Amino acid sequence: MRNYATAQLIGGREEQCDATAVYTTPAGARAYVLLDGIGSQAYVREWTRAAARRLARTAARLHDAEAGLRAEYDRYAKEPDREGPWGFGPKAAAVVAVTAPGLPLTVAWCGDSRAYVLVRGTARRLTTDHNLRRVYPPCDMYPEGGNRHKITSCLGATANDARVMAEYKHPAIETVTVPVENCRLLLASDGAYEPIEDNDADVATYLVGDPTEAARDLVETAVAWGGARPDNATALVADLRP
């Protein structure tokens, strides 16, 4: 029986450019991936789906989220079409979580896709968004802070850690390691978590039931609360055991 499920809604966009992937090695390592493609074009949709599958496979085989994300980040950064001031190519906010027998849970990300763990009814966010609101937090003069929709790092970019750190005060890729315990893992695109937060609700409220029910409830609520043109909303929910 699968311990995970995903749910997606296109919202008010022309294309569904979020993608998820799960890959399990023969040794039992498993990677969960969620990518939020930047844009709403068919070529972004196809690239994001392929990139999610590739990232899941690489991270699971390396038994580590950061190693997997760095390997794929560097691979895309070296593509000739992405080089130079006029470089182009599809991009995506990425988050990956990896479990492996005898090892802690590792999570790595670039962009504003998020990872949470739900433990005994309380959701704890593991990631910190890579966007301008992080760079310019809300203050008395600017209550909203920087634009949360302008991300400062993503899969498909060419800037290395030092360059992103110099400009935005955080590396291109960040990672966190936590002990594995009985918990529920949530990976979510900004279209899934932002409407929940904007309505002063707690994502934990929508993570009840089995993984299929939880993922569906979260994205349906997000799109219902997402305004006149809601974003793509995607959630991956997995129940983890030590």
C-alpha atoms as a PDB file:
ATOM      1  CA  MET A   1       0.000   0.000   0.000  1.00  0.00           C
ATOM      2  CA  ARG A   2       1.401   3.423  -0.970  1.00  0.00           C
ATOM      3  CA  ASN A   3       2.158   5.814   1.845  1.00  0.00           C
ATOM      4  CA  TYR A   4       1.851   8.937  -0.301  1.00  0.00           C
ATOM      5  CA  ALA A   5      -0.494  10.769  -2.657  1.00  0.00           C
ATOM      6  CA  THR A   6      -0.513  13.905  -4.754  1.00  0.00           C
ATOM      7  CA  ALA A   7      -3.244  16.301  -5.839  1.00  0.00           C
ATOM      8  CA  GLN A   8      -3.216  19.084  -8.417  1.00  0.00           C
ATOM      9  CA  LEU A   9      -5.599  21.727  -9.689  1.00  0.00           C
ATOM     10  CA  ILE A  10      -4.838  24.031 -12.599  1.00  0.00           C
ATOM     11  CA  GLY A  11      -6.596  27.011 -11.027  1.00  0.00           C
ATOM     12  CA  GLY A  12      -7.014  29.915 -13.408  1.00  0.00           C
ATOM     13  CA  ARG A  13      -3.852  29.262 -15.429  1.00  0.00           C
ATOM     14  CA  GLU A  14      -3.554  28.127 -19.037  1.00  0.00           C
ATOM     15  CA  GLU A  15      -1.286  25.179 -18.210  1.00  0.00           C
ATOM     16  CA  GLN A  16      -0.527  23.025 -15.172  1.00  0.00           C
ATOM     17  CA  CYS A  17       3.190  23.705 -14.739  1.00  0.00           C
ATOM     18  CA  ASP A  18       3.614  22.139 -11.293  1.00  0.00           C
ATOM     19  CA  ALA A  19       4.948  18.588 -11.222  1.00  0.00           C
ATOM     20  CA  THR A  20       5.634  15.895  -8.655  1.00  0.00           C
ATOM     21  CA  ALA A  21       7.675  12.715  -8.753  1.00  0.00           C
ATOM     22  CA  VAL A  22       8.546   9.881  -6.391  1.00  0.00           C
ATOM     23  CA  TYR A  23      11.382   7.415  -6.936  1.00  0.00           C
ATOM     24  CA  THR A  24      12.374   4.438  -4.775  1.00  0.00           C
ATOM     25  CA  THR A  25      15.651   2.541  -5.102  1.00  0.00           C
ATOM     26  CA  PRO A  26      15.969  -1.235  -4.638  1.00  0.00           C
ATOM     27  CA  ALA A  27      17.721  -0.497  -1.321  1.00  0.00           C
ATOM     28  CA  GLY A  28      14.660   1.368  -0.033  1.00  0.00           C
ATOM     29  CA  ALA A  29      15.776   5.004  -0.402  1.00  0.00           C
ATOM     30  CA  ARG A  30      12.939   7.202  -1.604  1.00  0.00           C
ATOM     31  CA  ALA A  31      12.839  10.751  -2.938  1.00  0.00           C
ATOM     32  CA  TYR A  32       9.753  12.953  -3.018  1.00  0.00           C
ATOM     33  CA  VAL A  33       9.922  15.934  -5.375  1.00  0.00           C
ATOM     34  CA  LEU A  34       7.712  18.920  -6.132  1.00  0.00           C
ATOM     35  CA  LEU A  35       8.549  21.496  -8.811  1.00  0.00           C
ATOM     36  CA  ASP A  36       6.625  24.704  -9.502  1.00  0.00           C
ATOM     37  CA  GLY A  37       7.392  25.671 -13.082  1.00  0.00           C
ATOM     38  CA  ILE A  38       7.807  29.376 -13.776  1.00  0.00           C
ATOM     39  CA  GLY A  39       5.333  30.480 -16.422  1.00  0.00           C
ATOM     40  CA  SER A  40       2.253  28.908 -17.968  1.00  0.00           C
ATOM     41  CA  GLN A  41       3.360  27.525 -21.314  1.00  0.00           C
ATOM     42  CA  ALA A  42       3.304  23.990 -22.673  1.00  0.00           C
ATOM     43  CA  TYR A  43       7.104  23.796 -22.970  1.00  0.00           C
ATOM     44  CA  VAL A  44       7.448  24.758 -19.285  1.00  0.00           C
ATOM     45  CA  ARG A  45       4.944  22.047 -18.361  1.00  0.00           C
ATOM     46  CA  GLU A  46       6.853  19.361 -20.243  1.00  0.00           C
ATOM     47  CA  TRP A  47      10.270  20.437 -18.951  1.00  0.00           C
ATOM     48  CA  THR A  48       9.040  20.575 -15.354  1.00  0.00           C
ATOM     49  CA  ARG A  49       7.593  17.073 -15.530  1.00  0.00           C
ATOM     50  CA  ALA A  50      10.822  15.644 -16.937  1.00  0.00           C
ATOM     51  CA  ALA A  51      12.963  17.581 -14.443  1.00  0.00           C
ATOM     52  CA  ALA A  52      10.900  16.315 -11.508  1.00  0.00           C
ATOM     53  CA  ARG A  53      11.408  12.700 -12.559  1.00  0.00           C
ATOM     54  CA  ARG A  54      15.132  13.224 -13.096  1.00  0.00           C
ATOM     55  CA  LEU A  55      15.583  14.955  -9.733  1.00  0.00           C
ATOM     56  CA  ALA A  56      13.707  12.243  -7.850  1.00  0.00           C
ATOM     57  CA  ARG A  57      15.822   9.530  -9.425  1.00  0.00           C
ATOM     58  CA  THR A  58      19.115  11.319  -8.745  1.00  0.00           C
ATOM     59  CA  ALA A  59      18.299  12.241  -5.131  1.00  0.00           C
ATOM     60  CA  ALA A  60      17.085   8.748  -4.257  1.00  0.00           C
ATOM     61  CA  ARG A  61      20.179   7.116  -5.746  1.00  0.00           C
ATOM     62  CA  LEU A  62      22.436   9.492  -3.805  1.00  0.00           C
ATOM     63  CA  HIS A  63      20.425   8.946  -0.588  1.00  0.00           C
ATOM     64  CA  ASP A  64      20.512  12.688   0.046  1.00  0.00           C
ATOM     65  CA  ALA A  65      18.270  15.591  -0.947  1.00  0.00           C
ATOM     66  CA  GLU A  66      20.993  18.231  -1.168  1.00  0.00           C
ATOM     67  CA  ALA A  67      23.363  16.061  -3.193  1.00  0.00           C
ATOM     68  CA  GLY A  68      20.585  15.238  -5.626  1.00  0.00           C
ATOM     69  CA  LEU A  69      19.389  18.816  -6.038  1.00  0.00           C
ATOM     70  CA  ARG A  70      22.923  20.150  -6.465  1.00  0.00           C
ATOM     71  CA  ALA A  71      23.716  17.552  -9.107  1.00  0.00           C
ATOM     72  CA  GLU A  72      20.670  18.515 -11.162  1.00  0.00           C
ATOM     73  CA  TYR A  73      21.051  22.254 -10.518  1.00  0.00           C
ATOM     74  CA  ASP A  74      24.629  22.136 -11.807  1.00  0.00           C
ATOM     75  CA  ARG A  75      23.661  19.995 -14.790  1.00  0.00           C
ATOM     76  CA  TYR A  76      20.995  22.428 -15.961  1.00  0.00           C
ATOM     77  CA  ALA A  77      23.232  25.441 -15.242  1.00  0.00           C
ATOM     78  CA  LYS A  78      25.806  24.109 -17.718  1.00  0.00           C
ATOM     79  CA  GLU A  79      23.388  23.962 -20.644  1.00  0.00           C
ATOM     80  CA  PRO A  80      24.642  26.348 -23.372  1.00  0.00           C
ATOM     81  CA  ASP A  81      21.260  28.032 -23.839  1.00  0.00           C
ATOM     82  CA  ARG A  82      21.305  29.195 -20.221  1.00  0.00           C
ATOM     83  CA  GLU A  83      24.679  30.939 -20.366  1.00  0.00           C
ATOM     84  CA  GLY A  84      25.288  34.662 -20.768  1.00  0.00           C
ATOM     85  CA  PRO A  85      23.133  37.713 -19.968  1.00  0.00           C
ATOM     86  CA  TRP A  86      20.435  36.637 -22.434  1.00  0.00           C
ATOM     87  CA  GLY A  87      20.347  33.026 -21.309  1.00  0.00           C
ATOM     88  CA  PHE A  88      16.964  31.387 -21.325  1.00  0.00           C
ATOM     89  CA  GLY A  89      15.347  28.085 -20.532  1.00  0.00           C
ATOM     90  CA  PRO A  90      12.559  26.739 -18.346  1.00  0.00           C
ATOM     91  CA  LYS A  91      12.947  27.138 -14.594  1.00  0.00           C
ATOM     92  CA  ALA A  92      11.157  25.900 -11.505  1.00  0.00           C
ATOM     93  CA  ALA A  93      11.040  26.375  -7.753  1.00  0.00           C
ATOM     94  CA  ALA A  94      12.142  22.993  -6.408  1.00  0.00           C
ATOM     95  CA  VAL A  95      11.867  21.065  -3.149  1.00  0.00           C
ATOM     96  CA  VAL A  96      13.011  17.481  -2.588  1.00  0.00           C
ATOM     97  CA  ALA A  97      12.841  15.234   0.476  1.00  0.00           C
ATOM     98  CA  VAL A  98      14.714  11.943   0.835  1.00  0.00           C
ATOM     99  CA  THR A  99      14.285   9.046   3.244  1.00  0.00           C
ATOM    100  CA  ALA A 100      16.620   6.054   3.415  1.00  0.00           C
ATOM    101  CA  PRO A 101      16.939   3.133   5.832  1.00  0.00           C
ATOM    102  CA  GLY A 102      18.984   4.125   8.861  1.00  0.00           C
ATOM    103  CA  LEU A 103      19.334   7.757   7.772  1.00  0.00           C
ATOM    104  CA  PRO A 104      17.564  10.981   8.808  1.00  0.00           C
ATOM    105  CA  LEU A 105      15.120  12.822   6.592  1.00  0.00           C
ATOM    106  CA  THR A 106      16.915  15.307   4.334  1.00  0.00           C
ATOM    107  CA  VAL A 107      15.202  18.199   2.564  1.00  0.00           C
ATOM    108  CA  ALA A 108      16.698  20.609   0.023  1.00  0.00           C
ATOM    109  CA  TRP A 109      15.185  23.460  -1.945  1.00  0.00           C
ATOM    110  CA  CYS A 110      15.702  26.401  -4.258  1.00  0.00           C
ATOM    111  CA  GLY A 111      12.799  28.788  -4.706  1.00  0.00           C
ATOM    112  CA  ASP A 112       9.556  29.027  -2.755  1.00  0.00           C
ATOM    113  CA  SER A 113       8.088  25.532  -2.922  1.00  0.00           C
ATOM    114  CA  ARG A 114       7.831  24.353   0.676  1.00  0.00           C
ATOM    115  CA  ALA A 115       8.213  21.288   2.883  1.00  0.00           C
ATOM    116  CA  TYR A 116       6.356  20.781   6.163  1.00  0.00           C
ATOM    117  CA  VAL A 117       6.198  17.944   8.659  1.00  0.00           C
ATOM    118  CA  LEU A 118       3.033  17.306  10.666  1.00  0.00           C
ATOM    119  CA  VAL A 119       3.794  15.789  14.069  1.00  0.00           C
ATOM    120  CA  ARG A 120       1.010  15.160  16.578  1.00  0.00           C
ATOM    121  CA  GLY A 121      -1.281  17.617  14.841  1.00  0.00           C
ATOM    122  CA  THR A 122       1.232  20.478  14.552  1.00  0.00           C
ATOM    123  CA  ALA A 123       2.700  21.485  11.179  1.00  0.00           C
ATOM    124  CA  ARG A 124       6.310  22.672  11.202  1.00  0.00           C
ATOM    125  CA  ARG A 125       7.741  24.326   8.113  1.00  0.00           C
ATOM    126  CA  LEU A 126      11.189  23.019   7.218  1.00  0.00           C
ATOM    127  CA  THR A 127      11.999  25.414   4.377  1.00  0.00           C
ATOM    128  CA  THR A 128      12.552  29.159   4.147  1.00  0.00           C
ATOM    129  CA  ASP A 129      11.337  30.793   0.936  1.00  0.00           C
ATOM    130  CA  HIS A 130      13.836  32.098  -1.596  1.00  0.00           C
ATOM    131  CA  ASN A 131      12.040  35.296  -2.584  1.00  0.00           C
ATOM    132  CA  LEU A 132      12.284  39.055  -2.195  1.00  0.00           C
ATOM    133  CA  ARG A 133      10.130  39.061   0.922  1.00  0.00           C
ATOM    134  CA  ARG A 134      12.887  37.127   2.646  1.00  0.00           C
ATOM    135  CA  VAL A 135      15.462  39.632   1.395  1.00  0.00           C
ATOM    136  CA  TYR A 136      13.316  42.635   2.354  1.00  0.00           C
ATOM    137  CA  PRO A 137      11.123  41.540   5.282  1.00  0.00           C
ATOM    138  CA  PRO A 138       8.040  43.559   6.300  1.00  0.00           C
ATOM    139  CA  CYS A 139       8.744  46.645   8.356  1.00  0.00           C
ATOM    140  CA  ASP A 140       6.896  49.749   9.559  1.00  0.00           C
ATOM    141  CA  MET A 141       7.659  51.663   6.373  1.00  0.00           C
ATOM    142  CA  TYR A 142       6.890  48.710   4.056  1.00  0.00           C
ATOM    143  CA  PRO A 143       4.373  46.454   5.833  1.00  0.00           C
ATOM    144  CA  GLU A 144       4.246  43.993   2.931  1.00  0.00           C
ATOM    145  CA  GLY A 145       8.019  43.759   2.536  1.00  0.00           C
ATOM    146  CA  GLY A 146       9.531  42.590  -0.755  1.00  0.00           C
ATOM    147  CA  ASN A 147       7.516  40.926  -3.506  1.00  0.00           C
ATOM    148  CA  ARG A 148       6.946  37.316  -2.443  1.00  0.00           C
ATOM    149  CA  HIS A 149       6.323  36.279  -6.043  1.00  0.00           C
ATOM    150  CA  LYS A 150       9.835  37.276  -7.166  1.00  0.00           C
ATOM    151  CA  ILE A 151      11.921  34.237  -6.336  1.00  0.00           C
ATOM    152  CA  THR A 152      15.645  34.584  -5.817  1.00  0.00           C
ATOM    153  CA  SER A 153      16.780  31.041  -6.651  1.00  0.00           C
ATOM    154  CA  CYS A 154      15.387  28.212  -8.769  1.00  0.00           C
ATOM    155  CA  LEU A 155      16.234  25.046 -10.667  1.00  0.00           C
ATOM    156  CA  GLY A 156      17.341  26.071 -14.146  1.00  0.00           C
ATOM    157  CA  ALA A 157      19.205  29.168 -12.973  1.00  0.00           C
ATOM    158  CA  THR A 158      22.962  29.510 -13.484  1.00  0.00           C
ATOM    159  CA  ALA A 159      24.019  31.463 -10.362  1.00  0.00           C
ATOM    160  CA  ASN A 160      26.123  29.520  -7.856  1.00  0.00           C
ATOM    161  CA  ASP A 161      25.906  29.764  -4.066  1.00  0.00           C
ATOM    162  CA  ALA A 162      28.430  32.592  -3.812  1.00  0.00           C
ATOM    163  CA  ARG A 163      26.684  34.728  -6.407  1.00  0.00           C
ATOM    164  CA  VAL A 164      23.235  34.275  -4.897  1.00  0.00           C
ATOM    165  CA  MET A 165      24.635  34.879  -1.412  1.00  0.00           C
ATOM    166  CA  ALA A 166      26.265  38.118  -2.520  1.00  0.00           C
ATOM    167  CA  GLU A 167      23.038  39.414  -4.032  1.00  0.00           C
ATOM    168  CA  TYR A 168      20.353  37.975  -1.760  1.00  0.00           C
ATOM    169  CA  LYS A 169      22.125  36.855   1.443  1.00  0.00           C
ATOM    170  CA  HIS A 170      21.220  33.199   1.060  1.00  0.00           C
ATOM    171  CA  PRO A 171      22.800  30.383  -0.994  1.00  0.00           C
ATOM    172  CA  ALA A 172      21.299  29.072  -4.210  1.00  0.00           C
ATOM    173  CA  ILE A 173      20.364  25.819  -2.461  1.00  0.00           C
ATOM    174  CA  GLU A 174      19.543  25.288   1.201  1.00  0.00           C
ATOM    175  CA  THR A 175      19.074  22.074   3.125  1.00  0.00           C
ATOM    176  CA  VAL A 176      17.829  20.778   6.465  1.00  0.00           C
ATOM    177  CA  THR A 177      18.193  17.409   8.167  1.00  0.00           C
ATOM    178  CA  VAL A 178      15.698  16.142  10.745  1.00  0.00           C
ATOM    179  CA  PRO A 179      15.318  12.829  12.596  1.00  0.00           C
ATOM    180  CA  VAL A 180      12.788  10.472  11.069  1.00  0.00           C
ATOM    181  CA  GLU A 181       9.765   9.960  13.314  1.00  0.00           C
ATOM    182  CA  ASN A 182       6.138   9.097  12.797  1.00  0.00           C
ATOM    183  CA  CYS A 183       5.053  12.144  10.854  1.00  0.00           C
ATOM    184  CA  ARG A 184       3.287  13.374   7.762  1.00  0.00           C
ATOM    185  CA  LEU A 185       5.373  15.112   5.109  1.00  0.00           C
ATOM    186  CA  LEU A 186       3.839  17.841   2.965  1.00  0.00           C
ATOM    187  CA  LEU A 187       5.444  19.327  -0.127  1.00  0.00           C
ATOM    188  CA  ALA A 188       3.446  22.261  -1.511  1.00  0.00           C
ATOM    189  CA  SER A 189       3.659  24.825  -4.301  1.00  0.00           C
ATOM    190  CA  ASP A 190       2.981  28.466  -3.474  1.00  0.00           C
ATOM    191  CA  GLY A 191      -0.412  28.147  -5.122  1.00  0.00           C
ATOM    192  CA  ALA A 192      -1.308  25.573  -2.472  1.00  0.00           C
ATOM    193  CA  TYR A 193      -0.025  27.228   0.699  1.00  0.00           C
ATOM    194  CA  GLU A 194      -0.358  30.975   0.034  1.00  0.00           C
ATOM    195  CA  PRO A 195      -4.187  31.141  -0.079  1.00  0.00           C
ATOM    196  CA  ILE A 196      -4.308  29.132   3.164  1.00  0.00           C
ATOM    197  CA  GLU A 197      -1.934  31.529   4.921  1.00  0.00           C
ATOM    198  CA  ASP A 198      -3.582  34.604   3.404  1.00  0.00           C
ATOM    199  CA  ASN A 199      -6.834  33.545   5.064  1.00  0.00           C
ATOM    200  CA  ASP A 200      -5.099  33.111   8.441  1.00  0.00           C
ATOM    201  CA  ALA A 201      -5.640  29.352   8.335  1.00  0.00           C
ATOM    202  CA  ASP A 202      -3.235  26.569   9.334  1.00  0.00           C
ATOM    203  CA  VAL A 203      -2.162  23.987   6.762  1.00  0.00           C
ATOM    204  CA  ALA A 204      -2.421  21.366   9.526  1.00  0.00           C
ATOM    205  CA  THR A 205      -6.204  21.774   9.389  1.00  0.00           C
ATOM    206  CA  TYR A 206      -6.207  20.313   5.878  1.00  0.00           C
ATOM    207  CA  LEU A 207      -3.839  17.411   6.512  1.00  0.00           C
ATOM    208  CA  VAL A 208      -6.323  14.993   8.089  1.00  0.00           C
ATOM    209  CA  GLY A 209      -7.525  11.701   6.660  1.00  0.00           C
ATOM    210  CA  ASP A 210      -5.444   9.488   4.408  1.00  0.00           C
ATOM    211  CA  PRO A 211      -2.808  11.096   2.128  1.00  0.00           C
ATOM    212  CA  THR A 212      -5.192  11.224  -0.837  1.00  0.00           C
ATOM    213  CA  GLU A 213      -7.882  13.001   1.163  1.00  0.00           C
ATOM    214  CA  ALA A 214      -5.391  15.411   2.712  1.00  0.00           C
ATOM    215  CA  ALA A 215      -3.717  16.406  -0.559  1.00  0.00           C
ATOM    216  CA  ARG A 216      -7.056  16.893  -2.305  1.00  0.00           C
ATOM    217  CA  ASP A 217      -8.545  18.920   0.558  1.00  0.00           C
ATOM    218  CA  LEU A 218      -5.545  21.247   0.642  1.00  0.00           C
ATOM    219  CA  VAL A 219      -5.498  22.077  -3.062  1.00  0.00           C
ATOM    220  CA  GLU A 220      -9.278  22.395  -3.342  1.00  0.00           C
ATOM    221  CA  THR A 221      -9.296  24.862  -0.473  1.00  0.00           C
ATOM    222  CA  ALA A 222      -6.377  26.788  -1.947  1.00  0.00           C
ATOM    223  CA  VAL A 223      -8.039  27.219  -5.346  1.00  0.00           C
ATOM    224  CA  ALA A 224     -11.379  28.137  -3.752  1.00  0.00           C
ATOM    225  CA  TRP A 225      -9.596  30.866  -1.769  1.00  0.00           C
ATOM    226  CA  GLY A 226      -7.222  31.872  -4.548  1.00  0.00           C
ATOM    227  CA  GLY A 227      -9.190  34.810  -5.934  1.00  0.00           C
ATOM    228  CA  ALA A 228     -10.339  35.486  -9.468  1.00  0.00           C
ATOM    229  CA  ARG A 229      -7.344  33.782 -11.114  1.00  0.00           C
ATOM    230  CA  PRO A 230      -5.911  31.215  -8.717  1.00  0.00           C
ATOM    231  CA  ASP A 231      -2.477  29.766  -9.302  1.00  0.00           C
ATOM    232  CA  ASN A 232      -1.684  26.127 -10.028  1.00  0.00           C
ATOM    233  CA  ALA A 233      -2.022  24.326  -6.692  1.00  0.00           C
ATOM    234  CA  THR A 234      -0.124  21.110  -5.977  1.00  0.00           C
ATOM    235  CA  ALA A 235       0.427  19.073  -2.805  1.00  0.00           C
ATOM    236  CA  LEU A 236       2.315  15.862  -2.134  1.00  0.00           C
ATOM    237  CA  VAL A 237       1.489  14.184   1.192  1.00  0.00           C
ATOM    238  CA  ALA A 238       3.447  11.214   2.560  1.00  0.00           C
ATOM    239  CA  ASP A 239       3.243   9.346   5.864  1.00  0.00           C
ATOM    240  CA  LEU A 240       6.746   8.588   7.157  1.00  0.00           C
ATOM    241  CA  ARG A 241       7.845   6.001   9.692  1.00  0.00           C
ATOM    242  CA  PRO A 242      11.241   5.513  11.348  1.00  0.00           C
END
